[in-house]
C-alpha atoms as a PDB file:
ATOM      1  CA  MET A   1     -67.138  20.050 -26.908  1.00  0.00           C
ATOM      2  CA  TRP A   2     -65.336  17.816 -24.417  1.00  0.00           C
ATOM      3  CA  GLN A   3     -62.234  17.805 -26.615  1.00  0.00           C
ATOM      4  CA  ASP A   4     -62.206  21.604 -26.679  1.00  0.00           C
ATOM      5  CA  LYS A   5     -62.240  21.724 -22.879  1.00  0.00           C
ATOM      6  CA  GLN A   6     -59.548  19.076 -22.709  1.00  0.00           C
ATOM      7  CA  GLU A   7     -57.346  20.982 -25.169  1.00  0.00           C
ATOM      8  CA  ARG A   8     -57.930  24.204 -23.215  1.00  0.00           C
ATOM      9  CA  ALA A   9     -56.937  22.467 -19.964  1.00  0.00           C
ATOM     10  CA  LYS A  10     -53.752  21.131 -21.580  1.00  0.00           C
ATOM     11  CA  GLU A  11     -52.939  24.580 -22.933  1.00  0.00           C
ATOM     12  CA  LEU A  12     -53.431  26.188 -19.512  1.00  0.00           C
ATOM     13  CA  TRP A  13     -51.334  23.494 -17.843  1.00  0.00           C
ATOM     14  CA  GLN A  14     -48.484  24.125 -20.282  1.00  0.00           C
ATOM     15  CA  ALA A  15     -48.688  27.867 -19.665  1.00  0.00           C
ATOM     16  CA  TYR A  16     -48.802  27.745 -15.858  1.00  0.00           C
ATOM     17  CA  LYS A  17     -46.889  24.518 -15.201  1.00  0.00           C
ATOM     18  CA  ARG A  18     -43.683  26.045 -13.828  1.00  0.00           C
ATOM     19  CA  PRO A  19     -45.249  28.343 -11.203  1.00  0.00           C
ATOM     20  CA  VAL A  20     -47.541  25.567 -10.001  1.00  0.00           C
ATOM     21  CA  LEU A  21     -44.704  23.034  -9.716  1.00  0.00           C
ATOM     22  CA  VAL A  22     -42.426  25.528  -7.951  1.00  0.00           C
ATOM     23  CA  PHE A  23     -45.200  26.324  -5.482  1.00  0.00           C
ATOM     24  CA  ALA A  24     -45.957  22.642  -4.834  1.00  0.00           C
ATOM     25  CA  ALA A  25     -42.277  21.790  -4.336  1.00  0.00           C
ATOM     26  CA  THR A  26     -41.791  24.717  -1.972  1.00  0.00           C
ATOM     27  CA  LEU A  27     -44.797  23.745   0.121  1.00  0.00           C
ATOM     28  CA  LEU A  28     -43.578  20.158   0.327  1.00  0.00           C
ATOM     29  CA  ILE A  29     -40.069  21.195   1.378  1.00  0.00           C
ATOM     30  CA  TYR A  30     -41.441  23.720   3.866  1.00  0.00           C
ATOM     31  CA  ASP A  31     -43.746  21.144   5.459  1.00  0.00           C
ATOM     32  CA  LEU A  32     -40.981  18.551   5.688  1.00  0.00           C
ATOM     33  CA  LEU A  33     -38.309  20.834   7.134  1.00  0.00           C
ATOM     34  CA  SER A  34     -40.164  23.509   9.068  1.00  0.00           C
ATOM     35  CA  GLY A  35     -40.452  21.709  12.415  1.00  0.00           C
ATOM     36  CA  ALA A  36     -42.669  23.216  15.129  1.00  0.00           C
ATOM     37  CA  LYS A  37     -45.354  25.480  13.719  1.00  0.00           C
ATOM     38  CA  VAL A  38     -47.628  26.484  16.584  1.00  0.00           C
ATOM     39  CA  ALA A  39     -46.631  28.298  19.745  1.00  0.00           C
ATOM     40  CA  CYS A  40     -49.028  29.032  22.557  1.00  0.00           C
ATOM     41  CA  SER A  41     -48.635  30.244  26.116  1.00  0.00           C
ATOM     42  CA  ARG A  42     -48.960  26.755  27.583  1.00  0.00           C
ATOM     43  CA  CYS A  43     -46.723  24.893  25.173  1.00  0.00           C
ATOM     44  CA  PRO A  44     -43.526  26.829  24.573  1.00  0.00           C
ATOM     45  CA  VAL A  45     -41.796  26.158  21.295  1.00  0.00           C
ATOM     46  CA  PRO A  46     -38.024  26.502  20.979  1.00  0.00           C
ATOM     47  CA  ASP A  47     -36.602  29.311  18.882  1.00  0.00           C
ATOM     48  CA  MET A  48     -36.444  28.791  15.154  1.00  0.00           C
ATOM     49  CA  THR A  49     -33.259  27.348  13.716  1.00  0.00           C
ATOM     50  CA  PRO A  50     -31.518  29.261  10.921  1.00  0.00           C
ATOM     51  CA  LEU A  51     -32.909  26.763   8.402  1.00  0.00           C
ATOM     52  CA  GLN A  52     -36.453  27.247   9.688  1.00  0.00           C
ATOM     53  CA  HIS A  53     -36.022  31.021   9.591  1.00  0.00           C
ATOM     54  CA  PHE A  54     -34.704  30.839   6.002  1.00  0.00           C
ATOM     55  CA  LEU A  55     -37.626  28.636   4.929  1.00  0.00           C
ATOM     56  CA  PHE A  56     -40.119  30.985   6.579  1.00  0.00           C
ATOM     57  CA  VAL A  57     -38.654  34.019   4.797  1.00  0.00           C
ATOM     58  CA  PHE A  58     -38.311  32.171   1.474  1.00  0.00           C
ATOM     59  CA  VAL A  59     -41.934  31.010   1.480  1.00  0.00           C
ATOM     60  CA  GLY A  60     -43.061  34.519   2.435  1.00  0.00           C
ATOM     61  CA  VAL A  61     -41.171  36.081  -0.461  1.00  0.00           C
ATOM     62  CA  GLU A  62     -42.358  33.361  -2.805  1.00  0.00           C
ATOM     63  CA  SER A  63     -45.972  33.925  -1.793  1.00  0.00           C
ATOM     64  CA  VAL A  64     -45.623  37.434  -3.233  1.00  0.00           C
ATOM     65  CA  LEU A  65     -43.587  36.548  -6.318  1.00  0.00           C
ATOM     66  CA  LEU A  66     -45.549  33.530  -7.570  1.00  0.00           C
ATOM     67  CA  PRO A  67     -48.871  35.361  -8.035  1.00  0.00           C
ATOM     68  CA  LEU A  68     -46.933  38.108  -9.817  1.00  0.00           C
ATOM     69  CA  TRP A  69     -45.337  35.476 -12.073  1.00  0.00           C
ATOM     70  CA  VAL A  70     -48.757  33.966 -12.844  1.00  0.00           C
ATOM     71  CA  TYR A  71     -50.181  37.416 -13.607  1.00  0.00           C
ATOM     72  CA  LEU A  72     -47.311  38.181 -15.991  1.00  0.00           C
ATOM     73  CA  ILE A  73     -47.949  34.918 -17.835  1.00  0.00           C
ATOM     74  CA  TYR A  74     -51.651  35.784 -18.021  1.00  0.00           C
ATOM     75  CA  ALA A  75     -50.938  39.311 -19.292  1.00  0.00           C
ATOM     76  CA  ARG A  76     -48.523  38.050 -21.943  1.00  0.00           C
ATOM     77  CA  ARG A  77     -51.035  35.471 -23.182  1.00  0.00           C
ATOM     78  CA  LYS A  78     -53.836  38.059 -23.229  1.00  0.00           C
ATOM     79  CA  TYR A  79     -51.780  40.576 -25.212  1.00  0.00           C
ATOM     80  CA  GLU A  80     -50.705  37.860 -27.642  1.00  0.00           C
ATOM     81  CA  GLN A  81     -54.360  36.909 -28.210  1.00  0.00           C
ATOM     82  CA  ASP A  82     -55.343  40.554 -28.698  1.00  0.00           C
ATOM     83  CA  GLY A  83     -52.557  41.019 -31.252  1.00  0.00           C
ATOM     84  CA  TYR A  84     -50.419  43.508 -29.339  1.00  0.00           C
ATOM     85  CA  LEU A  85     -47.333  41.286 -29.196  1.00  0.00           C
END
């Protein structure tokens, strides 16, 4: 029983490894390079640099594309198991 769960976990990791690693790398890069994150009325934050603006937009776009990528992997695996592909 434990081996079945372990094999299933390995299989899922192999299927979803790329989206997870891309997401983790993006979050790490964003946290390292993003600079100031919070602006309030009492503590003004300087305007975003072009790099910070690019990272903000990139992470926003990626936050839409990565779940779509994961869903497409899930759908492909489901249709393969059902015998449609």
